[in-house]
Amino acid sequence: MSNFKDAQNKAHPNKTNTLMSALIVILILNVGIQIWLLYTGLNNALGENKDIALPAFIASLVLFLIGFFWLYFLPMGYRKK
């Protein structure tokens, strides 16, 4: 019985390209949301409203971890073996 990585490495190149495109779009959206959270947190902190800083940091940390674990789904040809 094969696992996800074996099936992914044996997949047709078109499927691999589709997977890579989806991962790139999700990671770009992830970074965009993190930039928005940074802007919101800094803007509110400079306006002496520090209540949003901790939730923005926690949300950004969660998004970072999600993005980090998405790297597992990269095909083997796109990272060091």
PDB file of N, CA and C in Angstrom:
ATOM      1  N   MET A   1       0.840  -1.173   0.000  1.00  0.00           N
ATOM      2  CA  MET A   1       0.000   0.000   0.000  1.00  0.00           C
ATOM      3  C   MET A   1       0.887   1.239   0.000  1.00  0.00           C
ATOM      4  N   SER A   2       0.619   2.152  -0.903  1.00  0.00           N
ATOM      5  CA  SER A   2       1.463   3.342  -1.013  1.00  0.00           C
ATOM      6  C   SER A   2       0.916   4.467  -0.148  1.00  0.00           C
ATOM      7  N   ASN A   3       1.791   5.376   0.179  1.00  0.00           N
ATOM      8  CA  ASN A   3       1.356   6.539   0.949  1.00  0.00           C
ATOM      9  C   ASN A   3       1.229   7.744   0.020  1.00  0.00           C
ATOM     10  N   PHE A   4       0.888   8.883   0.591  1.00  0.00           N
ATOM     11  CA  PHE A   4       0.641  10.082  -0.197  1.00  0.00           C
ATOM     12  C   PHE A   4       1.871  10.502  -0.991  1.00  0.00           C
ATOM     13  N   LYS A   5       3.048  10.492  -0.370  1.00  0.00           N
ATOM     14  CA  LYS A   5       4.260  10.962  -1.044  1.00  0.00           C
ATOM     15  C   LYS A   5       4.629  10.061  -2.225  1.00  0.00           C
ATOM     16  N   ASP A   6       4.476   8.746  -2.086  1.00  0.00           N
ATOM     17  CA  ASP A   6       4.779   7.847  -3.205  1.00  0.00           C
ATOM     18  C   ASP A   6       3.845   8.112  -4.378  1.00  0.00           C
ATOM     19  N   ALA A   7       2.562   8.254  -4.090  1.00  0.00           N
ATOM     20  CA  ALA A   7       1.595   8.523  -5.147  1.00  0.00           C
ATOM     21  C   ALA A   7       1.869   9.878  -5.798  1.00  0.00           C
ATOM     22  N   GLN A   8       2.258  10.839  -5.006  1.00  0.00           N
ATOM     23  CA  GLN A   8       2.545  12.176  -5.529  1.00  0.00           C
ATOM     24  C   GLN A   8       3.772  12.147  -6.445  1.00  0.00           C
ATOM     25  N   ASN A   9       4.790  11.414  -6.067  1.00  0.00           N
ATOM     26  CA  ASN A   9       6.008  11.345  -6.879  1.00  0.00           C
ATOM     27  C   ASN A   9       5.790  10.585  -8.187  1.00  0.00           C
ATOM     28  N   LYS A  10       4.804   9.687  -8.219  1.00  0.00           N
ATOM     29  CA  LYS A  10       4.506   8.936  -9.433  1.00  0.00           C
ATOM     30  C   LYS A  10       3.446   9.617 -10.290  1.00  0.00           C
ATOM     31  N   ALA A  11       2.927  10.744  -9.844  1.00  0.00           N
ATOM     32  CA  ALA A  11       1.838  11.421 -10.548  1.00  0.00           C
ATOM     33  C   ALA A  11       2.322  12.012 -11.867  1.00  0.00           C
ATOM     34  N   HIS A  12       1.383  12.221 -12.744  1.00  0.00           N
ATOM     35  CA  HIS A  12       1.655  12.852 -14.032  1.00  0.00           C
ATOM     36  C   HIS A  12       2.135  14.287 -13.796  1.00  0.00           C
ATOM     37  N   PRO A  13       3.055  14.810 -14.623  1.00  0.00           N
ATOM     38  CA  PRO A  13       3.563  16.172 -14.414  1.00  0.00           C
ATOM     39  C   PRO A  13       2.468  17.246 -14.395  1.00  0.00           C
ATOM     40  N   ASN A  14       1.382  17.048 -15.143  1.00  0.00           N
ATOM     41  CA  ASN A  14       0.295  18.033 -15.115  1.00  0.00           C
ATOM     42  C   ASN A  14      -0.341  18.112 -13.734  1.00  0.00           C
ATOM     43  N   LYS A  15      -0.482  16.963 -13.090  1.00  0.00           N
ATOM     44  CA  LYS A  15      -1.044  16.954 -11.738  1.00  0.00           C
ATOM     45  C   LYS A  15      -0.080  17.618 -10.758  1.00  0.00           C
ATOM     46  N   THR A  16       1.196  17.392 -10.963  1.00  0.00           N
ATOM     47  CA  THR A  16       2.201  18.019 -10.093  1.00  0.00           C
ATOM     48  C   THR A  16       2.180  19.533 -10.270  1.00  0.00           C
ATOM     49  N   ASN A  17       2.048  20.000 -11.511  1.00  0.00           N
ATOM     50  CA  ASN A  17       1.990  21.439 -11.758  1.00  0.00           C
ATOM     51  C   ASN A  17       0.731  22.056 -11.153  1.00  0.00           C
ATOM     52  N   THR A  18      -0.378  21.350 -11.229  1.00  0.00           N
ATOM     53  CA  THR A  18      -1.609  21.843 -10.623  1.00  0.00           C
ATOM     54  C   THR A  18      -1.457  21.937  -9.112  1.00  0.00           C
ATOM     55  N   LEU A  19      -0.845  20.935  -8.524  1.00  0.00           N
ATOM     56  CA  LEU A  19      -0.613  20.940  -7.080  1.00  0.00           C
ATOM     57  C   LEU A  19       0.292  22.103  -6.678  1.00  0.00           C
ATOM     58  N   MET A  20       1.349  22.317  -7.451  1.00  0.00           N
ATOM     59  CA  MET A  20       2.261  23.421  -7.156  1.00  0.00           C
ATOM     60  C   MET A  20       1.562  24.765  -7.284  1.00  0.00           C
ATOM     61  N   SER A  21       0.737  24.925  -8.299  1.00  0.00           N
ATOM     62  CA  SER A  21       0.005  26.188  -8.479  1.00  0.00           C
ATOM     63  C   SER A  21      -0.931  26.441  -7.302  1.00  0.00           C
ATOM     64  N   ALA A  22      -1.624  25.422  -6.864  1.00  0.00           N
ATOM     65  CA  ALA A  22      -2.532  25.567  -5.725  1.00  0.00           C
ATOM     66  C   ALA A  22      -1.764  25.926  -4.451  1.00  0.00           C
ATOM     67  N   LEU A  23      -0.640  25.262  -4.231  1.00  0.00           N
ATOM     68  CA  LEU A  23       0.174  25.569  -3.041  1.00  0.00           C
ATOM     69  C   LEU A  23       0.695  27.000  -3.073  1.00  0.00           C
ATOM     70  N   ILE A  24       1.140  27.450  -4.227  1.00  0.00           N
ATOM     71  CA  ILE A  24       1.670  28.812  -4.349  1.00  0.00           C
ATOM     72  C   ILE A  24       0.574  29.833  -4.089  1.00  0.00           C
ATOM     73  N   VAL A  25      -0.619  29.614  -4.642  1.00  0.00           N
ATOM     74  CA  VAL A  25      -1.723  30.554  -4.425  1.00  0.00           C
ATOM     75  C   VAL A  25      -2.102  30.610  -2.948  1.00  0.00           C
ATOM     76  N   ILE A  26      -2.180  29.461  -2.300  1.00  0.00           N
ATOM     77  CA  ILE A  26      -2.538  29.432  -0.878  1.00  0.00           C
ATOM     78  C   ILE A  26      -1.466  30.117  -0.041  1.00  0.00           C
ATOM     79  N   LEU A  27      -0.206  29.887  -0.351  1.00  0.00           N
ATOM     80  CA  LEU A  27       0.862  30.522   0.417  1.00  0.00           C
ATOM     81  C   LEU A  27       0.900  32.036   0.182  1.00  0.00           C
ATOM     82  N   ILE A  28       0.598  32.487  -1.027  1.00  0.00           N
ATOM     83  CA  ILE A  28       0.539  33.932  -1.293  1.00  0.00           C
ATOM     84  C   ILE A  28      -0.607  34.561  -0.507  1.00  0.00           C
ATOM     85  N   LEU A  29      -1.755  33.904  -0.480  1.00  0.00           N
ATOM     86  CA  LEU A  29      -2.873  34.403   0.325  1.00  0.00           C
ATOM     87  C   LEU A  29      -2.518  34.431   1.806  1.00  0.00           C
ATOM     88  N   ASN A  30      -1.819  33.406   2.243  1.00  0.00           N
ATOM     89  CA  ASN A  30      -1.382  33.322   3.632  1.00  0.00           C
ATOM     90  C   ASN A  30      -0.477  34.506   3.988  1.00  0.00           C
ATOM     91  N   VAL A  31       0.483  34.801   3.140  1.00  0.00           N
ATOM     92  CA  VAL A  31       1.400  35.917   3.392  1.00  0.00           C
ATOM     93  C   VAL A  31       0.653  37.245   3.329  1.00  0.00           C
ATOM     94  N   GLY A  32      -0.297  37.371   2.407  1.00  0.00           N
ATOM     95  CA  GLY A  32      -1.100  38.593   2.324  1.00  0.00           C
ATOM     96  C   GLY A  32      -1.897  38.841   3.595  1.00  0.00           C
ATOM     97  N   ILE A  33      -2.486  37.793   4.144  1.00  0.00           N
ATOM     98  CA  ILE A  33      -3.228  37.936   5.401  1.00  0.00           C
ATOM     99  C   ILE A  33      -2.285  38.292   6.541  1.00  0.00           C
ATOM    100  N   GLN A  34      -1.095  37.697   6.549  1.00  0.00           N
ATOM    101  CA  GLN A  34      -0.128  38.025   7.598  1.00  0.00           C
ATOM    102  C   GLN A  34       0.315  39.479   7.505  1.00  0.00           C
ATOM    103  N   ILE A  35       0.504  39.996   6.296  1.00  0.00           N
ATOM    104  CA  ILE A  35       0.871  41.406   6.132  1.00  0.00           C
ATOM    105  C   ILE A  35      -0.263  42.298   6.629  1.00  0.00           C
ATOM    106  N   TRP A  36      -1.498  41.924   6.319  1.00  0.00           N
ATOM    107  CA  TRP A  36      -2.647  42.695   6.800  1.00  0.00           C
ATOM    108  C   TRP A  36      -2.718  42.674   8.326  1.00  0.00           C
ATOM    109  N   LEU A  37      -2.458  41.516   8.932  1.00  0.00           N
ATOM    110  CA  LEU A  37      -2.453  41.429  10.395  1.00  0.00           C
ATOM    111  C   LEU A  37      -1.348  42.299  10.993  1.00  0.00           C
ATOM    112  N   LEU A  38      -0.173  42.312  10.364  1.00  0.00           N
ATOM    113  CA  LEU A  38       0.919  43.158  10.836  1.00  0.00           C
ATOM    114  C   LEU A  38       0.525  44.622  10.755  1.00  0.00           C
ATOM    115  N   TYR A  39      -0.046  45.031   9.637  1.00  0.00           N
ATOM    116  CA  TYR A  39      -0.486  46.415   9.460  1.00  0.00           C
ATOM    117  C   TYR A  39      -1.535  46.787  10.506  1.00  0.00           C
ATOM    118  N   THR A  40      -2.516  45.921  10.701  1.00  0.00           N
ATOM    119  CA  THR A  40      -3.576  46.197  11.672  1.00  0.00           C
ATOM    120  C   THR A  40      -3.027  46.276  13.088  1.00  0.00           C
ATOM    121  N   GLY A  41      -2.165  45.321  13.444  1.00  0.00           N
ATOM    122  CA  GLY A  41      -1.588  45.325  14.787  1.00  0.00           C
ATOM    123  C   GLY A  41      -0.742  46.561  15.048  1.00  0.00           C
ATOM    124  N   LEU A  42       0.097  46.944  14.090  1.00  0.00           N
ATOM    125  CA  LEU A  42       0.944  48.121  14.273  1.00  0.00           C
ATOM    126  C   LEU A  42       0.131  49.405  14.280  1.00  0.00           C
ATOM    127  N   ASN A  43      -0.865  49.491  13.407  1.00  0.00           N
ATOM    128  CA  ASN A  43      -1.691  50.684  13.335  1.00  0.00           C
ATOM    129  C   ASN A  43      -2.456  50.895  14.650  1.00  0.00           C
ATOM    130  N   ASN A  44      -2.997  49.826  15.189  1.00  0.00           N
ATOM    131  CA  ASN A  44      -3.714  49.942  16.455  1.00  0.00           C
ATOM    132  C   ASN A  44      -2.769  50.177  17.632  1.00  0.00           C
ATOM    133  N   ALA A  45      -1.599  49.570  17.603  1.00  0.00           N
ATOM    134  CA  ALA A  45      -0.642  49.781  18.699  1.00  0.00           C
ATOM    135  C   ALA A  45      -0.135  51.222  18.708  1.00  0.00           C
ATOM    136  N   LEU A  46       0.093  51.792  17.524  1.00  0.00           N
ATOM    137  CA  LEU A  46       0.535  53.182  17.459  1.00  0.00           C
ATOM    138  C   LEU A  46      -0.586  54.142  17.846  1.00  0.00           C
ATOM    139  N   GLY A  47      -1.825  53.711  17.704  1.00  0.00           N
ATOM    140  CA  GLY A  47      -2.964  54.517  18.132  1.00  0.00           C
ATOM    141  C   GLY A  47      -3.328  54.273  19.582  1.00  0.00           C
ATOM    142  N   GLU A  48      -2.427  53.656  20.311  1.00  0.00           N
ATOM    143  CA  GLU A  48      -2.571  53.355  21.742  1.00  0.00           C
ATOM    144  C   GLU A  48      -3.747  52.431  22.035  1.00  0.00           C
ATOM    145  N   ASN A  49      -4.078  51.558  21.097  1.00  0.00           N
ATOM    146  CA  ASN A  49      -5.080  50.520  21.296  1.00  0.00           C
ATOM    147  C   ASN A  49      -4.356  49.185  21.205  1.00  0.00           C
ATOM    148  N   LYS A  50      -3.817  48.740  22.321  1.00  0.00           N
ATOM    149  CA  LYS A  50      -2.951  47.562  22.318  1.00  0.00           C
ATOM    150  C   LYS A  50      -3.731  46.248  22.471  1.00  0.00           C
ATOM    151  N   ASP A  51      -5.059  46.318  22.481  1.00  0.00           N
ATOM    152  CA  ASP A  51      -5.859  45.112  22.671  1.00  0.00           C
ATOM    153  C   ASP A  51      -5.782  44.164  21.473  1.00  0.00           C
ATOM    154  N   ILE A  52      -5.502  44.667  20.293  1.00  0.00           N
ATOM    155  CA  ILE A  52      -5.509  43.842  19.089  1.00  0.00           C
ATOM    156  C   ILE A  52      -4.140  43.204  18.826  1.00  0.00           C
ATOM    157  N   ALA A  53      -3.103  43.648  19.495  1.00  0.00           N
ATOM    158  CA  ALA A  53      -1.741  43.180  19.191  1.00  0.00           C
ATOM    159  C   ALA A  53      -1.573  41.687  19.466  1.00  0.00           C
ATOM    160  N   LEU A  54      -2.018  41.219  20.618  1.00  0.00           N
ATOM    161  CA  LEU A  54      -1.843  39.803  20.952  1.00  0.00           C
ATOM    162  C   LEU A  54      -2.680  38.894  20.041  1.00  0.00           C
ATOM    163  N   PRO A  55      -3.974  39.173  19.814  1.00  0.00           N
ATOM    164  CA  PRO A  55      -4.716  38.316  18.872  1.00  0.00           C
ATOM    165  C   PRO A  55      -4.143  38.330  17.455  1.00  0.00           C
ATOM    166  N   ALA A  56      -3.641  39.475  17.005  1.00  0.00           N
ATOM    167  CA  ALA A  56      -3.038  39.538  15.670  1.00  0.00           C
ATOM    168  C   ALA A  56      -1.768  38.700  15.628  1.00  0.00           C
ATOM    169  N   PHE A  57      -0.980  38.735  16.688  1.00  0.00           N
ATOM    170  CA  PHE A  57       0.236  37.922  16.745  1.00  0.00           C
ATOM    171  C   PHE A  57      -0.107  36.435  16.740  1.00  0.00           C
ATOM    172  N   ILE A  58      -1.100  36.048  17.520  1.00  0.00           N
ATOM    173  CA  ILE A  58      -1.485  34.636  17.588  1.00  0.00           C
ATOM    174  C   ILE A  58      -2.015  34.162  16.232  1.00  0.00           C
ATOM    175  N   ALA A  59      -2.845  34.978  15.588  1.00  0.00           N
ATOM    176  CA  ALA A  59      -3.370  34.607  14.271  1.00  0.00           C
ATOM    177  C   ALA A  59      -2.235  34.497  13.252  1.00  0.00           C
ATOM    178  N   SER A  60      -1.291  35.407  13.298  1.00  0.00           N
ATOM    179  CA  SER A  60      -0.166  35.363  12.372  1.00  0.00           C
ATOM    180  C   SER A  60       0.703  34.128  12.633  1.00  0.00           C
ATOM    181  N   LEU A  61       0.892  33.778  13.893  1.00  0.00           N
ATOM    182  CA  LEU A  61       1.666  32.586  14.236  1.00  0.00           C
ATOM    183  C   LEU A  61       0.969  31.325  13.727  1.00  0.00           C
ATOM    184  N   VAL A  62      -0.338  31.260  13.879  1.00  0.00           N
ATOM    185  CA  VAL A  62      -1.096  30.106  13.377  1.00  0.00           C
ATOM    186  C   VAL A  62      -0.977  30.018  11.857  1.00  0.00           C
ATOM    187  N   LEU A  63      -1.093  31.153  11.167  1.00  0.00           N
ATOM    188  CA  LEU A  63      -0.948  31.154   9.711  1.00  0.00           C
ATOM    189  C   LEU A  63       0.460  30.741   9.283  1.00  0.00           C
ATOM    190  N   PHE A  64       1.469  31.169  10.045  1.00  0.00           N
ATOM    191  CA  PHE A  64       2.842  30.753   9.747  1.00  0.00           C
ATOM    192  C   PHE A  64       2.988  29.242   9.873  1.00  0.00           C
ATOM    193  N   LEU A  65       2.447  28.676  10.940  1.00  0.00           N
ATOM    194  CA  LEU A  65       2.546  27.227  11.142  1.00  0.00           C
ATOM    195  C   LEU A  65       1.795  26.460  10.053  1.00  0.00           C
ATOM    196  N   ILE A  66       0.632  26.974   9.640  1.00  0.00           N
ATOM    197  CA  ILE A  66      -0.098  26.348   8.547  1.00  0.00           C
ATOM    198  C   ILE A  66       0.747  26.375   7.271  1.00  0.00           C
ATOM    199  N   GLY A  67       1.350  27.526   6.971  1.00  0.00           N
ATOM    200  CA  GLY A  67       2.207  27.638   5.796  1.00  0.00           C
ATOM    201  C   GLY A  67       3.417  26.727   5.875  1.00  0.00           C
ATOM    202  N   PHE A  68       3.976  26.597   7.066  1.00  0.00           N
ATOM    203  CA  PHE A  68       5.142  25.731   7.249  1.00  0.00           C
ATOM    204  C   PHE A  68       4.780  24.271   6.995  1.00  0.00           C
ATOM    205  N   PHE A  69       3.631  23.836   7.495  1.00  0.00           N
ATOM    206  CA  PHE A  69       3.234  22.445   7.304  1.00  0.00           C
ATOM    207  C   PHE A  69       2.719  22.174   5.896  1.00  0.00           C
ATOM    208  N   TRP A  70       2.333  23.216   5.148  1.00  0.00           N
ATOM    209  CA  TRP A  70       1.968  23.037   3.747  1.00  0.00           C
ATOM    210  C   TRP A  70       3.178  22.582   2.938  1.00  0.00           C
ATOM    211  N   LEU A  71       4.380  22.910   3.397  1.00  0.00           N
ATOM    212  CA  LEU A  71       5.590  22.531   2.664  1.00  0.00           C
ATOM    213  C   LEU A  71       5.739  21.016   2.550  1.00  0.00           C
ATOM    214  N   TYR A  72       5.056  20.270   3.428  1.00  0.00           N
ATOM    215  CA  TYR A  72       5.085  18.807   3.340  1.00  0.00           C
ATOM    216  C   TYR A  72       4.515  18.326   2.008  1.00  0.00           C
ATOM    217  N   PHE A  73       3.568  19.075   1.464  1.00  0.00           N
ATOM    218  CA  PHE A  73       2.886  18.656   0.257  1.00  0.00           C
ATOM    219  C   PHE A  73       3.625  19.023  -1.019  1.00  0.00           C
ATOM    220  N   LEU A  74       4.787  19.645  -0.900  1.00  0.00           N
ATOM    221  CA  LEU A  74       5.574  19.949  -2.097  1.00  0.00           C
ATOM    222  C   LEU A  74       6.069  18.644  -2.731  1.00  0.00           C
ATOM    223  N   PRO A  75       5.986  18.538  -4.041  1.00  0.00           N
ATOM    224  CA  PRO A  75       6.555  17.353  -4.703  1.00  0.00           C
ATOM    225  C   PRO A  75       8.061  17.284  -4.479  1.00  0.00           C
ATOM    226  N   MET A  76       8.611  16.089  -4.496  1.00  0.00           N
ATOM    227  CA  MET A  76      10.035  15.911  -4.197  1.00  0.00           C
ATOM    228  C   MET A  76      10.936  16.604  -5.211  1.00  0.00           C
ATOM    229  N   GLY A  77      10.504  16.815  -6.427  1.00  0.00           N
ATOM    230  CA  GLY A  77      11.337  17.466  -7.437  1.00  0.00           C
ATOM    231  C   GLY A  77      11.592  18.927  -7.155  1.00  0.00           C
ATOM    232  N   TYR A  78      10.807  19.530  -6.286  1.00  0.00           N
ATOM    233  CA  TYR A  78      10.928  20.950  -6.015  1.00  0.00           C
ATOM    234  C   TYR A  78      11.670  21.271  -4.730  1.00  0.00           C
ATOM    235  N   ARG A  79      12.166  20.275  -4.064  1.00  0.00           N
ATOM    236  CA  ARG A  79      12.968  20.498  -2.864  1.00  0.00           C
ATOM    237  C   ARG A  79      14.086  19.471  -2.824  1.00  0.00           C
ATOM    238  N   LYS A  80      15.034  19.690  -1.950  1.00  0.00           N
ATOM    239  CA  LYS A  80      16.165  18.770  -1.877  1.00  0.00           C
ATOM    240  C   LYS A  80      15.706  17.407  -1.392  1.00  0.00           C
ATOM    241  N   LYS A  81      16.295  16.402  -1.984  1.00  0.00           N
ATOM    242  CA  LYS A  81      15.932  15.028  -1.609  1.00  0.00           C
ATOM    243  C   LYS A  81      16.818  14.532  -0.496  1.00  0.00           C
TER     244      LYS A  81
END
